[in-house]
Amino acid sequence: MEDAHESEALPPRVAAALDDSVGAYWRARERQHVRDVYAGVRIKKFPEDLRLMEHLMWLSRSQVVVELGTHFGGSALWFRDRLRALAGYGRVPEDVRVVTLDLRQDKAREALAGADPAYERDITLLEGDITDPGTARRAGAAVPAGARCLVVEDTLHTYDTTTAALRHFAPLVPVGGFFVVEDGIVDVPELRPPDMPGGVQPAVRNWLGTPEGAGFRQRRDLERYGLTCHPGGWLERVRQ
């Protein structure tokens, strides 16, 4: 029997009925994930997507995660803790860091301080508009010299913001590294959340066709777990 403490710490339950459709299960999981938490802080990610990001961080030896879209900061904590684990295994240097950006960081500062009063040691909160090239320059300045970066884009999920994120932040990704564009589901009519206009997948396709996007390849084969919020959004840099 679930007690009151568990009901606050756990996401809502989703039942997997064998006679239900995959679509019905997917939509139930989508409703669930917006109420999930990590270390007591809201984190809106599918576990399957987090697991794949962990694989990519290991494979690419990511020492830094640059996150576009902080929200409450749960994913910043999760990325920080995964980077610490990589450092503990000797996969990356110990000087790990998450650089996370949003227009305002008031809620994230409060939530992160409540979870870990020393969060500023390895999580940098920046405020700014990702469509402004200066914001990307400030993010780059917060990255330790020579560190390998994973970039994760989780902002408005529109054509313009996705294009701006790719254009301004892709230079941070080294050869063999990854840029994850989240929530391409906004362009899947059967799965699109309410009030989201879409444009993510077209922005990715068009950017990959530009000279600056030509150094990346789209890795649909990385959609390994059957469920993902990011169809078409797993991008690997293969050359400068």
Protein backbone atom coordinates (compact mmCIF):
# COMPACT_ATOMS: atom_id res chain seq x y z
CA MET A 1 0.00 0.00 0.00
CA GLU A 2 1.48 3.34 -1.04
CA ASP A 3 1.90 5.81 1.82
CA ALA A 4 1.70 9.62 1.65
CA HIS A 5 5.47 10.07 1.47
CA GLU A 6 5.76 7.66 -1.44
CA SER A 7 2.93 9.39 -3.32
CA GLU A 8 4.92 12.64 -3.21
CA ALA A 9 8.25 11.05 -4.18
CA LEU A 10 7.04 8.75 -6.96
CA PRO A 11 5.45 9.58 -10.33
CA PRO A 12 1.89 8.48 -11.03
CA ARG A 13 1.56 4.80 -11.82
CA VAL A 14 1.15 3.64 -15.42
CA ALA A 15 -0.24 0.17 -16.05
CA ALA A 16 1.03 -1.82 -19.03
CA ALA A 17 -1.96 -3.86 -20.16
CA LEU A 18 -1.19 -6.47 -22.80
CA ASP A 19 -4.36 -5.71 -24.75
CA ASP A 20 -3.73 -1.94 -24.92
CA SER A 21 -2.17 -0.28 -27.95
CA VAL A 22 1.39 1.03 -27.90
CA GLY A 23 -0.05 4.49 -28.60
CA ALA A 24 -2.24 4.40 -25.51
CA TYR A 25 0.71 3.30 -23.38
CA TRP A 26 2.91 6.01 -24.88
CA ARG A 27 0.37 8.74 -24.13
CA ALA A 28 -0.02 7.51 -20.54
CA ARG A 29 3.76 7.63 -20.13
CA GLU A 30 3.86 11.14 -21.58
CA ARG A 31 1.33 12.30 -18.97
CA GLN A 32 3.33 10.57 -16.25
CA HIS A 33 6.75 11.99 -17.07
CA VAL A 34 5.79 15.62 -16.44
CA ARG A 35 5.22 14.69 -12.78
CA ASP A 36 8.43 12.75 -12.23
CA VAL A 37 11.24 13.91 -9.93
CA TYR A 38 14.95 13.35 -9.36
CA ALA A 39 16.48 14.01 -5.93
CA GLY A 40 13.20 15.68 -5.04
CA VAL A 41 13.33 18.09 -7.99
CA ARG A 42 11.00 17.96 -10.98
CA ILE A 43 12.52 16.25 -14.03
CA LYS A 44 10.50 15.92 -17.21
CA LYS A 45 12.35 13.16 -19.06
CA PHE A 46 11.49 9.65 -20.16
CA PRO A 47 13.71 7.12 -18.30
CA GLU A 48 14.49 5.55 -21.67
CA ASP A 49 15.84 8.84 -22.98
CA LEU A 50 17.90 9.40 -19.84
CA ARG A 51 19.38 5.92 -20.17
CA LEU A 52 20.40 6.58 -23.76
CA MET A 53 21.96 9.91 -22.81
CA GLU A 54 23.98 8.06 -20.19
CA HIS A 55 25.24 5.70 -22.90
CA LEU A 56 26.18 8.66 -25.12
CA MET A 57 27.98 10.44 -22.30
CA TRP A 58 30.05 7.30 -21.73
CA LEU A 59 30.77 6.70 -25.41
CA SER A 60 31.72 10.31 -26.14
CA ARG A 61 33.63 10.82 -22.86
CA SER A 62 31.56 13.90 -22.06
CA GLN A 63 33.03 15.95 -19.25
CA VAL A 64 30.48 18.75 -19.57
CA VAL A 65 26.76 18.89 -20.37
CA VAL A 66 25.42 22.13 -21.78
CA GLU A 67 21.66 22.10 -21.21
CA LEU A 68 19.34 24.55 -22.94
CA GLY A 69 16.23 24.80 -20.83
CA THR A 70 16.68 24.36 -17.06
CA HIS A 71 13.10 24.34 -15.76
CA PHE A 72 13.36 23.38 -12.06
CA GLY A 73 16.83 21.86 -12.40
CA GLY A 74 16.11 18.16 -11.91
CA SER A 75 17.81 17.17 -15.14
CA ALA A 76 20.82 19.38 -14.30
CA LEU A 77 21.24 17.38 -11.09
CA TRP A 78 20.84 14.12 -12.99
CA PHE A 79 23.44 15.10 -15.60
CA ARG A 80 25.82 16.28 -12.86
CA ASP A 81 25.52 13.00 -10.99
CA ARG A 82 26.07 10.94 -14.14
CA LEU A 83 29.18 13.00 -14.94
CA ARG A 84 30.45 12.38 -11.43
CA ALA A 85 29.95 8.66 -11.98
CA LEU A 86 31.94 8.82 -15.24
CA ALA A 87 34.73 10.59 -13.39
CA GLY A 88 34.62 7.95 -10.66
CA TYR A 89 35.23 5.26 -13.26
CA GLY A 90 38.13 7.26 -14.71
CA ARG A 91 36.26 7.83 -17.96
CA VAL A 92 36.53 11.64 -17.80
CA PRO A 93 38.51 14.17 -15.73
CA GLU A 94 37.20 14.97 -12.27
CA ASP A 95 36.46 18.59 -13.20
CA VAL A 96 32.94 17.87 -14.47
CA ARG A 97 30.33 20.56 -15.00
CA VAL A 98 26.76 21.17 -16.11
CA VAL A 99 26.10 24.54 -17.73
CA THR A 100 22.36 25.06 -17.89
CA LEU A 101 20.55 28.02 -19.45
CA ASP A 102 17.09 29.53 -19.24
CA LEU A 103 15.50 32.94 -19.48
CA ARG A 104 15.03 33.03 -15.70
CA GLN A 105 16.60 30.81 -13.06
CA ASP A 106 14.77 31.80 -9.87
CA LYS A 107 12.88 28.52 -9.47
CA ALA A 108 15.90 26.44 -10.37
CA ARG A 109 18.13 28.24 -7.85
CA GLU A 110 15.64 27.57 -5.07
CA ALA A 111 15.06 23.93 -6.03
CA LEU A 112 18.73 23.12 -6.54
CA ALA A 113 19.76 24.76 -3.27
CA GLY A 114 17.13 22.70 -1.49
CA ALA A 115 18.45 19.48 -2.98
CA ASP A 116 22.17 20.28 -2.75
CA PRO A 117 23.35 23.50 -1.07
CA ALA A 118 26.74 23.04 -2.76
CA TYR A 119 25.30 22.66 -6.28
CA GLU A 120 27.24 25.68 -7.60
CA ARG A 121 30.48 23.72 -7.31
CA ASP A 122 29.68 21.89 -10.54
CA ILE A 123 26.39 23.32 -11.88
CA THR A 124 26.46 26.74 -13.54
CA LEU A 125 23.12 28.52 -13.99
CA LEU A 126 23.04 31.08 -16.78
CA GLU A 127 20.21 33.39 -17.80
CA GLY A 128 19.79 34.36 -21.43
CA ASP A 129 18.00 33.89 -24.72
CA ILE A 130 19.38 31.04 -26.83
CA THR A 131 18.53 32.98 -29.99
CA ASP A 132 21.18 35.54 -28.94
CA PRO A 133 24.68 34.45 -30.07
CA GLY A 134 26.11 36.14 -26.99
CA THR A 135 24.36 33.58 -24.79
CA ALA A 136 26.25 30.77 -26.49
CA ARG A 137 29.51 32.64 -26.02
CA ARG A 138 28.85 32.95 -22.28
CA ALA A 139 28.03 29.24 -22.09
CA GLY A 140 31.25 28.38 -23.90
CA ALA A 141 33.23 30.53 -21.49
CA ALA A 142 31.88 28.44 -18.58
CA VAL A 143 33.20 25.20 -20.10
CA PRO A 144 36.64 24.07 -18.81
CA ALA A 145 39.35 24.37 -21.45
CA GLY A 146 39.53 21.29 -23.65
CA ALA A 147 36.48 19.63 -22.09
CA ARG A 148 34.29 17.44 -24.29
CA CYS A 149 30.64 18.55 -24.32
CA LEU A 150 27.25 16.98 -24.77
CA VAL A 151 24.61 19.58 -25.71
CA VAL A 152 20.94 18.97 -24.88
CA GLU A 153 18.29 21.32 -26.33
CA ASP A 154 15.04 21.44 -24.32
CA THR A 155 13.53 24.90 -24.82
CA LEU A 156 10.34 25.91 -26.65
CA HIS A 157 10.43 23.16 -29.30
CA THR A 158 9.61 25.47 -32.21
CA TYR A 159 11.28 25.80 -35.58
CA ASP A 160 12.99 29.09 -34.71
CA THR A 161 14.32 28.10 -31.28
CA THR A 162 15.54 24.72 -32.51
CA THR A 163 17.33 26.32 -35.44
CA ALA A 164 18.93 28.96 -33.21
CA ALA A 165 20.07 26.34 -30.70
CA LEU A 166 21.70 24.25 -33.40
CA ARG A 167 23.35 27.22 -35.06
CA HIS A 168 24.74 28.79 -31.88
CA PHE A 169 25.57 25.78 -29.69
CA ALA A 170 26.63 23.02 -32.11
CA PRO A 171 30.19 24.44 -32.22
CA LEU A 172 30.58 23.26 -28.60
CA VAL A 173 30.25 19.61 -29.67
CA PRO A 174 33.54 17.83 -30.53
CA VAL A 175 33.99 15.14 -33.17
CA GLY A 176 32.48 11.97 -31.72
CA GLY A 177 30.24 14.03 -29.46
CA PHE A 178 26.47 14.44 -29.52
CA PHE A 179 23.82 17.15 -29.76
CA VAL A 180 20.42 15.97 -28.51
CA VAL A 181 17.39 17.90 -29.79
CA GLU A 182 14.53 17.04 -27.49
CA ASP A 183 10.82 16.60 -28.07
CA GLY A 184 10.57 15.96 -31.79
CA ILE A 185 7.25 14.37 -30.80
CA VAL A 186 5.71 17.81 -31.34
CA ASP A 187 5.81 16.94 -35.05
CA VAL A 188 4.05 13.58 -34.64
CA PRO A 189 0.31 14.39 -34.85
CA GLU A 190 -0.75 11.34 -32.83
CA LEU A 191 1.62 12.23 -29.97
CA ARG A 192 1.85 16.03 -30.07
CA PRO A 193 1.12 17.56 -26.63
CA PRO A 194 -1.61 20.22 -26.58
CA ASP A 195 -0.72 23.80 -27.53
CA MET A 196 2.64 22.92 -29.09
CA PRO A 197 2.94 24.17 -32.67
CA GLY A 198 5.80 21.90 -33.74
CA GLY A 199 8.72 22.61 -36.02
CA VAL A 200 11.50 20.67 -34.30
CA GLN A 201 12.00 17.90 -36.86
CA PRO A 202 11.82 20.25 -39.88
CA ALA A 203 14.38 22.52 -38.19
CA VAL A 204 16.75 19.59 -37.65
CA ARG A 205 16.38 18.37 -41.24
CA ASN A 206 16.95 21.83 -42.71
CA TRP A 207 19.93 22.59 -40.48
CA LEU A 208 21.60 19.29 -41.36
CA GLY A 209 21.47 20.45 -44.98
CA THR A 210 23.46 23.61 -44.25
CA PRO A 211 27.28 23.86 -44.36
CA GLU A 212 27.43 24.12 -40.55
CA GLY A 213 25.15 21.13 -40.11
CA ALA A 214 27.05 18.98 -42.61
CA GLY A 215 29.48 17.89 -39.90
CA PHE A 216 26.69 16.03 -38.09
CA ARG A 217 24.71 12.91 -38.89
CA GLN A 218 21.27 11.98 -37.63
CA ARG A 219 21.35 8.73 -35.64
CA ARG A 220 17.86 7.20 -35.81
CA ASP A 221 19.52 3.90 -34.87
CA LEU A 222 20.07 5.31 -31.39
CA GLU A 223 16.34 5.19 -30.64
CA ARG A 224 17.00 1.95 -28.80
CA TYR A 225 14.30 1.61 -26.18
CA GLY A 226 11.09 1.75 -28.19
CA LEU A 227 9.81 4.89 -26.48
CA THR A 228 11.48 8.26 -26.99
CA CYS A 229 10.39 11.88 -26.81
CA HIS A 230 13.14 12.79 -29.26
CA PRO A 231 12.56 11.08 -32.61
CA GLY A 232 15.14 12.32 -35.09
CA GLY A 233 16.91 14.37 -32.43
CA TRP A 234 20.00 12.25 -31.74
CA LEU A 235 22.81 13.96 -33.69
CA GLU A 236 26.48 12.95 -33.77
CA ARG A 237 29.32 15.17 -34.93
CA VAL A 238 31.41 13.17 -37.40
CA ARG A 239 33.72 15.94 -38.65
CA GLN A 240 34.52 19.58 -38.05
